[in-house]
Amino acid sequence: MVQVAVSEFRGHLNKYLKAVQQGETLVLTSRNREIAKITAPDDKRLSAQEKLNELRKTATVGDVLSETGETWKASK
């Protein structure tokens, strides 16, 4: 986490935005008081993949190929 004065942020906007894109969190200050935090958005695909990986650890899959012994209406 990097603290940056608003005046410094304005003067070097591209530099700080690139840092945010690379995962850095910026804390903007005015008169030594925190006024805002800037972070990159979460990658929703990565978050979803992490959740699926966690579920994969707890899931059990039974026999899906053998017949169940039940008669389905679609098979008549």
PDB file of N, CA and C in Angstrom:
ATOM      1  N   MET A   1       0.855  -1.167   0.000  1.00  0.00           N
ATOM      2  CA  MET A   1       0.000   0.000   0.000  1.00  0.00           C
ATOM      3  C   MET A   1       0.903   1.232   0.000  1.00  0.00           C
ATOM      4  N   VAL A   2       0.632   2.114  -0.955  1.00  0.00           N
ATOM      5  CA  VAL A   2       1.446   3.319  -1.113  1.00  0.00           C
ATOM      6  C   VAL A   2       0.590   4.543  -0.808  1.00  0.00           C
ATOM      7  N   GLN A   3       1.105   5.433   0.038  1.00  0.00           N
ATOM      8  CA  GLN A   3       0.409   6.685   0.314  1.00  0.00           C
ATOM      9  C   GLN A   3       0.930   7.763  -0.621  1.00  0.00           C
ATOM     10  N   VAL A   4      -0.009   8.498  -1.234  1.00  0.00           N
ATOM     11  CA  VAL A   4       0.348   9.526  -2.207  1.00  0.00           C
ATOM     12  C   VAL A   4      -0.515  10.754  -1.957  1.00  0.00           C
ATOM     13  N   ALA A   5       0.117  11.911  -1.938  1.00  0.00           N
ATOM     14  CA  ALA A   5      -0.636  13.164  -1.829  1.00  0.00           C
ATOM     15  C   ALA A   5      -1.382  13.402  -3.140  1.00  0.00           C
ATOM     16  N   VAL A   6      -2.535  14.021  -3.052  1.00  0.00           N
ATOM     17  CA  VAL A   6      -3.347  14.277  -4.240  1.00  0.00           C
ATOM     18  C   VAL A   6      -2.560  15.063  -5.280  1.00  0.00           C
ATOM     19  N   SER A   7      -1.792  16.048  -4.857  1.00  0.00           N
ATOM     20  CA  SER A   7      -1.016  16.853  -5.808  1.00  0.00           C
ATOM     21  C   SER A   7       0.019  15.990  -6.539  1.00  0.00           C
ATOM     22  N   GLU A   8       0.663  15.078  -5.832  1.00  0.00           N
ATOM     23  CA  GLU A   8       1.623  14.154  -6.446  1.00  0.00           C
ATOM     24  C   GLU A   8       0.907  13.209  -7.412  1.00  0.00           C
ATOM     25  N   PHE A   9      -0.261  12.731  -7.002  1.00  0.00           N
ATOM     26  CA  PHE A   9      -1.050  11.826  -7.839  1.00  0.00           C
ATOM     27  C   PHE A   9      -1.434  12.496  -9.156  1.00  0.00           C
ATOM     28  N   ARG A  10      -1.895  13.740  -9.075  1.00  0.00           N
ATOM     29  CA  ARG A  10      -2.266  14.484 -10.288  1.00  0.00           C
ATOM     30  C   ARG A  10      -1.093  14.633 -11.243  1.00  0.00           C
ATOM     31  N   GLY A  11       0.067  14.925 -10.695  1.00  0.00           N
ATOM     32  CA  GLY A  11       1.242  15.166 -11.521  1.00  0.00           C
ATOM     33  C   GLY A  11       1.804  13.920 -12.186  1.00  0.00           C
ATOM     34  N   HIS A  12       1.531  12.749 -11.614  1.00  0.00           N
ATOM     35  CA  HIS A  12       2.084  11.503 -12.148  1.00  0.00           C
ATOM     36  C   HIS A  12       0.994  10.443 -12.293  1.00  0.00           C
ATOM     37  N   LEU A  13      -0.134  10.858 -12.832  1.00  0.00           N
ATOM     38  CA  LEU A  13      -1.312  10.000 -12.928  1.00  0.00           C
ATOM     39  C   LEU A  13      -1.012   8.675 -13.624  1.00  0.00           C
ATOM     40  N   ASN A  14      -0.383   8.721 -14.795  1.00  0.00           N
ATOM     41  CA  ASN A  14      -0.109   7.488 -15.546  1.00  0.00           C
ATOM     42  C   ASN A  14       0.742   6.514 -14.739  1.00  0.00           C
ATOM     43  N   LYS A  15       1.749   7.019 -14.083  1.00  0.00           N
ATOM     44  CA  LYS A  15       2.646   6.179 -13.275  1.00  0.00           C
ATOM     45  C   LYS A  15       1.867   5.440 -12.187  1.00  0.00           C
ATOM     46  N   TYR A  16       1.003   6.165 -11.484  1.00  0.00           N
ATOM     47  CA  TYR A  16       0.267   5.554 -10.385  1.00  0.00           C
ATOM     48  C   TYR A  16      -0.832   4.614 -10.878  1.00  0.00           C
ATOM     49  N   LEU A  17      -1.453   4.937 -11.999  1.00  0.00           N
ATOM     50  CA  LEU A  17      -2.472   4.036 -12.538  1.00  0.00           C
ATOM     51  C   LEU A  17      -1.850   2.725 -13.008  1.00  0.00           C
ATOM     52  N   LYS A  18      -0.657   2.785 -13.563  1.00  0.00           N
ATOM     53  CA  LYS A  18       0.041   1.554 -13.950  1.00  0.00           C
ATOM     54  C   LYS A  18       0.352   0.707 -12.719  1.00  0.00           C
ATOM     55  N   ALA A  19       0.744   1.357 -11.629  1.00  0.00           N
ATOM     56  CA  ALA A  19       1.020   0.629 -10.385  1.00  0.00           C
ATOM     57  C   ALA A  19      -0.240  -0.067  -9.874  1.00  0.00           C
ATOM     58  N   VAL A  20      -1.381   0.611  -9.979  1.00  0.00           N
ATOM     59  CA  VAL A  20      -2.653   0.018  -9.557  1.00  0.00           C
ATOM     60  C   VAL A  20      -2.986  -1.179 -10.442  1.00  0.00           C
ATOM     61  N   GLN A  21      -2.775  -1.062 -11.746  1.00  0.00           N
ATOM     62  CA  GLN A  21      -3.032  -2.178 -12.656  1.00  0.00           C
ATOM     63  C   GLN A  21      -2.196  -3.397 -12.289  1.00  0.00           C
ATOM     64  N   GLN A  22      -1.029  -3.171 -11.735  1.00  0.00           N
ATOM     65  CA  GLN A  22      -0.133  -4.268 -11.365  1.00  0.00           C
ATOM     66  C   GLN A  22      -0.422  -4.803  -9.961  1.00  0.00           C
ATOM     67  N   GLY A  23      -1.496  -4.317  -9.339  1.00  0.00           N
ATOM     68  CA  GLY A  23      -1.922  -4.857  -8.053  1.00  0.00           C
ATOM     69  C   GLY A  23      -1.632  -3.999  -6.838  1.00  0.00           C
ATOM     70  N   GLU A  24      -0.991  -2.875  -7.026  1.00  0.00           N
ATOM     71  CA  GLU A  24      -0.678  -1.982  -5.901  1.00  0.00           C
ATOM     72  C   GLU A  24      -1.949  -1.251  -5.463  1.00  0.00           C
ATOM     73  N   THR A  25      -2.086  -1.008  -4.172  1.00  0.00           N
ATOM     74  CA  THR A  25      -3.180  -0.201  -3.644  1.00  0.00           C
ATOM     75  C   THR A  25      -2.630   1.170  -3.294  1.00  0.00           C
ATOM     76  N   LEU A  26      -3.311   2.208  -3.765  1.00  0.00           N
ATOM     77  CA  LEU A  26      -2.897   3.580  -3.468  1.00  0.00           C
ATOM     78  C   LEU A  26      -3.827   4.174  -2.420  1.00  0.00           C
ATOM     79  N   VAL A  27      -3.246   4.888  -1.493  1.00  0.00           N
ATOM     80  CA  VAL A  27      -4.019   5.646  -0.517  1.00  0.00           C
ATOM     81  C   VAL A  27      -3.754   7.112  -0.813  1.00  0.00           C
ATOM     82  N   LEU A  28      -4.794   7.823  -1.244  1.00  0.00           N
ATOM     83  CA  LEU A  28      -4.648   9.249  -1.538  1.00  0.00           C
ATOM     84  C   LEU A  28      -4.845  10.043  -0.257  1.00  0.00           C
ATOM     85  N   THR A  29      -3.964  11.020  -0.064  1.00  0.00           N
ATOM     86  CA  THR A  29      -4.036  11.852   1.134  1.00  0.00           C
ATOM     87  C   THR A  29      -4.134  13.322   0.753  1.00  0.00           C
ATOM     88  N   SER A  30      -4.772  14.067   1.620  1.00  0.00           N
ATOM     89  CA  SER A  30      -4.850  15.512   1.492  1.00  0.00           C
ATOM     90  C   SER A  30      -4.605  16.081   2.879  1.00  0.00           C
ATOM     91  N   ARG A  31      -3.555  16.874   2.991  1.00  0.00           N
ATOM     92  CA  ARG A  31      -3.155  17.422   4.295  1.00  0.00           C
ATOM     93  C   ARG A  31      -2.924  16.304   5.317  1.00  0.00           C
ATOM     94  N   ASN A  32      -2.265  15.259   4.850  1.00  0.00           N
ATOM     95  CA  ASN A  32      -1.911  14.091   5.671  1.00  0.00           C
ATOM     96  C   ASN A  32      -3.108  13.302   6.200  1.00  0.00           C
ATOM     97  N   ARG A  33      -4.263  13.489   5.580  1.00  0.00           N
ATOM     98  CA  ARG A  33      -5.447  12.714   5.950  1.00  0.00           C
ATOM     99  C   ARG A  33      -5.836  11.830   4.781  1.00  0.00           C
ATOM    100  N   GLU A  34      -6.133  10.585   5.071  1.00  0.00           N
ATOM    101  CA  GLU A  34      -6.565   9.656   4.031  1.00  0.00           C
ATOM    102  C   GLU A  34      -7.927  10.077   3.498  1.00  0.00           C
ATOM    103  N   ILE A  35      -8.022  10.223   2.171  1.00  0.00           N
ATOM    104  CA  ILE A  35      -9.303  10.621   1.584  1.00  0.00           C
ATOM    105  C   ILE A  35      -9.853   9.581   0.615  1.00  0.00           C
ATOM    106  N   ALA A  36      -8.990   8.685   0.109  1.00  0.00           N
ATOM    107  CA  ALA A  36      -9.472   7.677  -0.836  1.00  0.00           C
ATOM    108  C   ALA A  36      -8.468   6.545  -0.960  1.00  0.00           C
ATOM    109  N   LYS A  37      -8.978   5.387  -1.370  1.00  0.00           N
ATOM    110  CA  LYS A  37      -8.132   4.251  -1.716  1.00  0.00           C
ATOM    111  C   LYS A  37      -8.453   3.862  -3.153  1.00  0.00           C
ATOM    112  N   ILE A  38      -7.417   3.569  -3.899  1.00  0.00           N
ATOM    113  CA  ILE A  38      -7.594   3.151  -5.288  1.00  0.00           C
ATOM    114  C   ILE A  38      -7.003   1.755  -5.429  1.00  0.00           C
ATOM    115  N   THR A  39      -7.841   0.824  -5.886  1.00  0.00           N
ATOM    116  CA  THR A  39      -7.398  -0.551  -6.104  1.00  0.00           C
ATOM    117  C   THR A  39      -7.895  -1.024  -7.461  1.00  0.00           C
ATOM    118  N   ALA A  40      -7.239  -2.024  -7.999  1.00  0.00           N
ATOM    119  CA  ALA A  40      -7.684  -2.619  -9.253  1.00  0.00           C
ATOM    120  C   ALA A  40      -8.937  -3.451  -8.979  1.00  0.00           C
ATOM    121  N   PRO A  41      -9.830  -3.555  -9.953  1.00  0.00           N
ATOM    122  CA  PRO A  41     -11.020  -4.386  -9.749  1.00  0.00           C
ATOM    123  C   PRO A  41     -10.630  -5.858  -9.654  1.00  0.00           C
ATOM    124  N   ASP A  42     -11.449  -6.639  -8.951  1.00  0.00           N
ATOM    125  CA  ASP A  42     -11.210  -8.074  -8.851  1.00  0.00           C
ATOM    126  C   ASP A  42     -11.436  -8.725 -10.211  1.00  0.00           C
ATOM    127  N   ASP A  43     -10.619  -9.707 -10.507  1.00  0.00           N
ATOM    128  CA  ASP A  43     -10.811 -10.487 -11.727  1.00  0.00           C
ATOM    129  C   ASP A  43     -11.877 -11.529 -11.421  1.00  0.00           C
ATOM    130  N   LYS A  44     -13.073 -11.324 -11.931  1.00  0.00           N
ATOM    131  CA  LYS A  44     -14.194 -12.203 -11.602  1.00  0.00           C
ATOM    132  C   LYS A  44     -13.976 -13.623 -12.107  1.00  0.00           C
ATOM    133  N   ARG A  45     -13.285 -13.756 -13.232  1.00  0.00           N
ATOM    134  CA  ARG A  45     -13.022 -15.104 -13.739  1.00  0.00           C
ATOM    135  C   ARG A  45     -12.115 -15.860 -12.778  1.00  0.00           C
ATOM    136  N   LEU A  46     -11.104 -15.183 -12.261  1.00  0.00           N
ATOM    137  CA  LEU A  46     -10.182 -15.821 -11.325  1.00  0.00           C
ATOM    138  C   LEU A  46     -10.907 -16.188 -10.037  1.00  0.00           C
ATOM    139  N   SER A  47     -11.747 -15.293  -9.556  1.00  0.00           N
ATOM    140  CA  SER A  47     -12.506 -15.548  -8.337  1.00  0.00           C
ATOM    141  C   SER A  47     -13.432 -16.750  -8.523  1.00  0.00           C
ATOM    142  N   ALA A  48     -14.102 -16.826  -9.653  1.00  0.00           N
ATOM    143  CA  ALA A  48     -14.992 -17.954  -9.934  1.00  0.00           C
ATOM    144  C   ALA A  48     -14.196 -19.250 -10.019  1.00  0.00           C
ATOM    145  N   GLN A  49     -13.039 -19.215 -10.645  1.00  0.00           N
ATOM    146  CA  GLN A  49     -12.199 -20.407 -10.761  1.00  0.00           C
ATOM    147  C   GLN A  49     -11.739 -20.882  -9.386  1.00  0.00           C
ATOM    148  N   GLU A  50     -11.390 -19.950  -8.512  1.00  0.00           N
ATOM    149  CA  GLU A  50     -10.980 -20.319  -7.155  1.00  0.00           C
ATOM    150  C   GLU A  50     -12.125 -20.997  -6.404  1.00  0.00           C
ATOM    151  N   LYS A  51     -13.344 -20.489  -6.564  1.00  0.00           N
ATOM    152  CA  LYS A  51     -14.500 -21.101  -5.909  1.00  0.00           C
ATOM    153  C   LYS A  51     -14.741 -22.511  -6.438  1.00  0.00           C
ATOM    154  N   LEU A  52     -14.633 -22.679  -7.759  1.00  0.00           N
ATOM    155  CA  LEU A  52     -14.812 -24.006  -8.340  1.00  0.00           C
ATOM    156  C   LEU A  52     -13.747 -24.977  -7.848  1.00  0.00           C
ATOM    157  N   ASN A  53     -12.530 -24.513  -7.718  1.00  0.00           N
ATOM    158  CA  ASN A  53     -11.458 -25.372  -7.205  1.00  0.00           C
ATOM    159  C   ASN A  53     -11.738 -25.817  -5.774  1.00  0.00           C
ATOM    160  N   GLU A  54     -12.297 -24.930  -4.955  1.00  0.00           N
ATOM    161  CA  GLU A  54     -12.656 -25.292  -3.584  1.00  0.00           C
ATOM    162  C   GLU A  54     -13.783 -26.323  -3.578  1.00  0.00           C
ATOM    163  N   LEU A  55     -14.781 -26.131  -4.440  1.00  0.00           N
ATOM    164  CA  LEU A  55     -15.883 -27.090  -4.516  1.00  0.00           C
ATOM    165  C   LEU A  55     -15.402 -28.445  -5.010  1.00  0.00           C
ATOM    166  N   ARG A  56     -14.451 -28.431  -5.923  1.00  0.00           N
ATOM    167  CA  ARG A  56     -13.915 -29.674  -6.482  1.00  0.00           C
ATOM    168  C   ARG A  56     -13.330 -30.556  -5.377  1.00  0.00           C
ATOM    169  N   LYS A  57     -12.779 -29.951  -4.349  1.00  0.00           N
ATOM    170  CA  LYS A  57     -12.172 -30.712  -3.250  1.00  0.00           C
ATOM    171  C   LYS A  57     -13.215 -31.461  -2.424  1.00  0.00           C
ATOM    172  N   THR A  58     -14.460 -30.979  -2.406  1.00  0.00           N
ATOM    173  CA  THR A  58     -15.487 -31.576  -1.559  1.00  0.00           C
ATOM    174  C   THR A  58     -16.519 -32.378  -2.338  1.00  0.00           C
ATOM    175  N   ALA A  59     -16.527 -32.292  -3.652  1.00  0.00           N
ATOM    176  CA  ALA A  59     -17.535 -32.969  -4.469  1.00  0.00           C
ATOM    177  C   ALA A  59     -17.231 -34.456  -4.598  1.00  0.00           C
ATOM    178  N   THR A  60     -18.297 -35.246  -4.658  1.00  0.00           N
ATOM    179  CA  THR A  60     -18.151 -36.671  -4.943  1.00  0.00           C
ATOM    180  C   THR A  60     -19.021 -36.995  -6.143  1.00  0.00           C
ATOM    181  N   VAL A  61     -18.493 -37.813  -7.024  1.00  0.00           N
ATOM    182  CA  VAL A  61     -19.229 -38.202  -8.224  1.00  0.00           C
ATOM    183  C   VAL A  61     -19.406 -39.710  -8.183  1.00  0.00           C
ATOM    184  N   GLY A  62     -20.658 -40.124  -8.240  1.00  0.00           N
ATOM    185  CA  GLY A  62     -20.947 -41.554  -8.238  1.00  0.00           C
ATOM    186  C   GLY A  62     -20.865 -42.121  -9.649  1.00  0.00           C
ATOM    187  N   ASP A  63     -21.384 -43.320  -9.795  1.00  0.00           N
ATOM    188  CA  ASP A  63     -21.393 -43.997 -11.088  1.00  0.00           C
ATOM    189  C   ASP A  63     -22.438 -43.328 -11.977  1.00  0.00           C
ATOM    190  N   VAL A  64     -22.001 -42.665 -13.012  1.00  0.00           N
ATOM    191  CA  VAL A  64     -22.923 -41.950 -13.894  1.00  0.00           C
ATOM    192  C   VAL A  64     -23.165 -42.701 -15.198  1.00  0.00           C
ATOM    193  N   LEU A  65     -22.526 -43.841 -15.393  1.00  0.00           N
ATOM    194  CA  LEU A  65     -22.651 -44.579 -16.647  1.00  0.00           C
ATOM    195  C   LEU A  65     -23.598 -45.773 -16.553  1.00  0.00           C
ATOM    196  N   SER A  66     -23.697 -46.397 -15.410  1.00  0.00           N
ATOM    197  CA  SER A  66     -24.554 -47.580 -15.259  1.00  0.00           C
ATOM    198  C   SER A  66     -26.019 -47.174 -15.217  1.00  0.00           C
ATOM    199  N   GLU A  67     -26.885 -48.145 -15.575  1.00  0.00           N
ATOM    200  CA  GLU A  67     -28.322 -47.890 -15.522  1.00  0.00           C
ATOM    201  C   GLU A  67     -28.770 -47.761 -14.073  1.00  0.00           C
ATOM    202  N   THR A  68     -29.793 -46.958 -13.865  1.00  0.00           N
ATOM    203  CA  THR A  68     -30.294 -46.738 -12.506  1.00  0.00           C
ATOM    204  C   THR A  68     -31.361 -47.753 -12.121  1.00  0.00           C
ATOM    205  N   GLY A  69     -31.936 -48.410 -13.102  1.00  0.00           N
ATOM    206  CA  GLY A  69     -33.012 -49.350 -12.823  1.00  0.00           C
ATOM    207  C   GLY A  69     -34.371 -48.687 -12.880  1.00  0.00           C
ATOM    208  N   GLU A  70     -34.407 -47.389 -13.040  1.00  0.00           N
ATOM    209  CA  GLU A  70     -35.669 -46.659 -13.138  1.00  0.00           C
ATOM    210  C   GLU A  70     -36.070 -46.543 -14.602  1.00  0.00           C
ATOM    211  N   THR A  71     -37.377 -46.573 -14.857  1.00  0.00           N
ATOM    212  CA  THR A  71     -37.876 -46.387 -16.212  1.00  0.00           C
ATOM    213  C   THR A  71     -38.245 -44.923 -16.381  1.00  0.00           C
ATOM    214  N   TRP A  72     -37.698 -44.330 -17.394  1.00  0.00           N
ATOM    215  CA  TRP A  72     -37.993 -42.926 -17.673  1.00  0.00           C
ATOM    216  C   TRP A  72     -39.095 -42.841 -18.715  1.00  0.00           C
ATOM    217  N   LYS A  73     -39.891 -41.818 -18.639  1.00  0.00           N
ATOM    218  CA  LYS A  73     -40.948 -41.621 -19.623  1.00  0.00           C
ATOM    219  C   LYS A  73     -40.369 -41.424 -21.018  1.00  0.00           C
ATOM    220  N   ALA A  74     -39.225 -40.806 -21.115  1.00  0.00           N
ATOM    221  CA  ALA A  74     -38.608 -40.534 -22.412  1.00  0.00           C
ATOM    222  C   ALA A  74     -38.131 -41.810 -23.085  1.00  0.00           C
ATOM    223  N   SER A  75     -37.908 -42.881 -22.325  1.00  0.00           N
ATOM    224  CA  SER A  75     -37.378 -44.111 -22.907  1.00  0.00           C
ATOM    225  C   SER A  75     -38.468 -45.066 -23.370  1.00  0.00           C
ATOM    226  N   LYS A  76     -39.725 -44.759 -23.153  1.00  0.00           N
ATOM    227  CA  LYS A  76     -40.837 -45.641 -23.547  1.00  0.00           C
ATOM    228  C   LYS A  76     -41.162 -45.489 -25.000  1.00  0.00           C
TER     229      LYS A  76
END
